[in-house]
Amino acid sequence: MGLWTLLEGFLLLANALAILNEDRFLTPRGWGLSDFSAGQTKSFKGQLIGLIYATQYLRFPLILLNSVFIIVKLVSG
């Protein structure tokens, strides 16, 4: 397993977090931003919720990174 494969795996994970819908998936499970109080930011659940919302916020750079990966894969074969 090379570095490129590891980077692709992280990109796939970021894509998976970015497409999670708050109304359909996160809020019914108690993971919505409105259910999250400021006192829980130290917990693992709080940090995971913060990571999900940060990934959703950075969708445009994620689209650019996906485009770069696709172009590199097309050029390199």
Protein backbone atom coordinates (compact mmCIF):
# COMPACT_ATOMS: atom_id res chain seq x y z
CA MET A 1 0.00 0.00 0.00
CA GLY A 2 1.57 3.20 -1.14
CA LEU A 3 1.18 6.80 -0.19
CA TRP A 4 -1.13 7.43 -3.15
CA THR A 5 -3.53 4.71 -1.99
CA LEU A 6 -3.54 6.15 1.52
CA LEU A 7 -4.34 9.63 0.18
CA GLU A 8 -7.16 8.20 -1.93
CA GLY A 9 -8.57 6.52 1.16
CA PHE A 10 -8.57 9.78 3.12
CA LEU A 11 -10.22 11.54 0.18
CA LEU A 12 -12.96 8.89 0.07
CA LEU A 13 -13.52 9.29 3.81
CA ALA A 14 -13.76 13.08 3.43
CA ASN A 15 -16.28 12.61 0.61
CA ALA A 16 -18.34 10.27 2.77
CA LEU A 17 -18.46 12.82 5.59
CA ALA A 18 -19.27 15.69 3.23
CA ILE A 19 -22.41 14.07 1.80
CA LEU A 20 -24.10 13.32 5.13
CA ASN A 21 -27.42 15.15 5.22
CA GLU A 22 -28.23 16.84 8.53
CA ASP A 23 -32.02 16.55 8.27
CA ARG A 24 -32.12 12.93 7.12
CA PHE A 25 -29.19 11.35 8.91
CA LEU A 26 -27.57 13.44 11.63
CA THR A 27 -30.47 15.07 13.49
CA PRO A 28 -32.57 11.87 14.01
CA ARG A 29 -29.54 10.25 15.64
CA GLY A 30 -28.87 13.21 17.94
CA TRP A 31 -25.82 14.37 15.98
CA GLY A 32 -27.26 17.65 14.71
CA LEU A 33 -25.56 20.95 15.36
CA SER A 34 -28.63 22.22 17.23
CA ASP A 35 -28.52 19.18 19.58
CA PHE A 36 -24.89 19.78 20.29
CA SER A 37 -24.13 22.03 23.27
CA ALA A 38 -20.91 23.98 23.68
CA GLY A 39 -19.96 22.05 26.81
CA GLN A 40 -19.51 18.78 24.93
CA THR A 41 -16.74 19.88 22.58
CA LYS A 42 -14.14 17.85 24.50
CA SER A 43 -15.94 14.54 24.02
CA PHE A 44 -15.23 12.22 21.10
CA LYS A 45 -18.79 12.64 19.82
CA GLY A 46 -18.42 16.42 19.93
CA GLN A 47 -15.16 16.31 18.01
CA LEU A 48 -16.66 13.94 15.44
CA ILE A 49 -19.65 16.25 14.94
CA GLY A 50 -17.24 19.15 14.49
CA LEU A 51 -15.27 17.16 11.91
CA ILE A 52 -18.43 16.33 9.97
CA TYR A 53 -19.54 19.97 9.86
CA ALA A 54 -16.05 21.19 8.95
CA THR A 55 -15.95 18.71 6.07
CA GLN A 56 -19.36 19.88 4.88
CA TYR A 57 -18.23 23.49 5.09
CA LEU A 58 -15.19 22.79 2.89
CA ARG A 59 -17.08 21.18 0.01
CA PHE A 60 -15.65 23.46 -2.69
CA PRO A 61 -11.99 22.67 -1.90
CA LEU A 62 -13.00 19.00 -1.72
CA ILE A 63 -14.45 19.24 -5.23
CA LEU A 64 -11.18 20.74 -6.46
CA LEU A 65 -9.16 18.01 -4.75
CA ASN A 66 -11.38 15.35 -6.32
CA SER A 67 -10.79 16.94 -9.73
CA VAL A 68 -7.02 16.87 -9.20
CA PHE A 69 -7.15 13.20 -8.22
CA ILE A 70 -9.24 12.35 -11.30
CA ILE A 71 -6.89 14.21 -13.64
CA VAL A 72 -3.82 12.55 -12.13
CA LYS A 73 -5.45 9.12 -12.45
CA LEU A 74 -6.36 9.80 -16.09
CA VAL A 75 -2.84 10.98 -16.95
CA SER A 76 -0.99 8.25 -15.07
CA GLY A 77 -3.19 5.42 -16.32
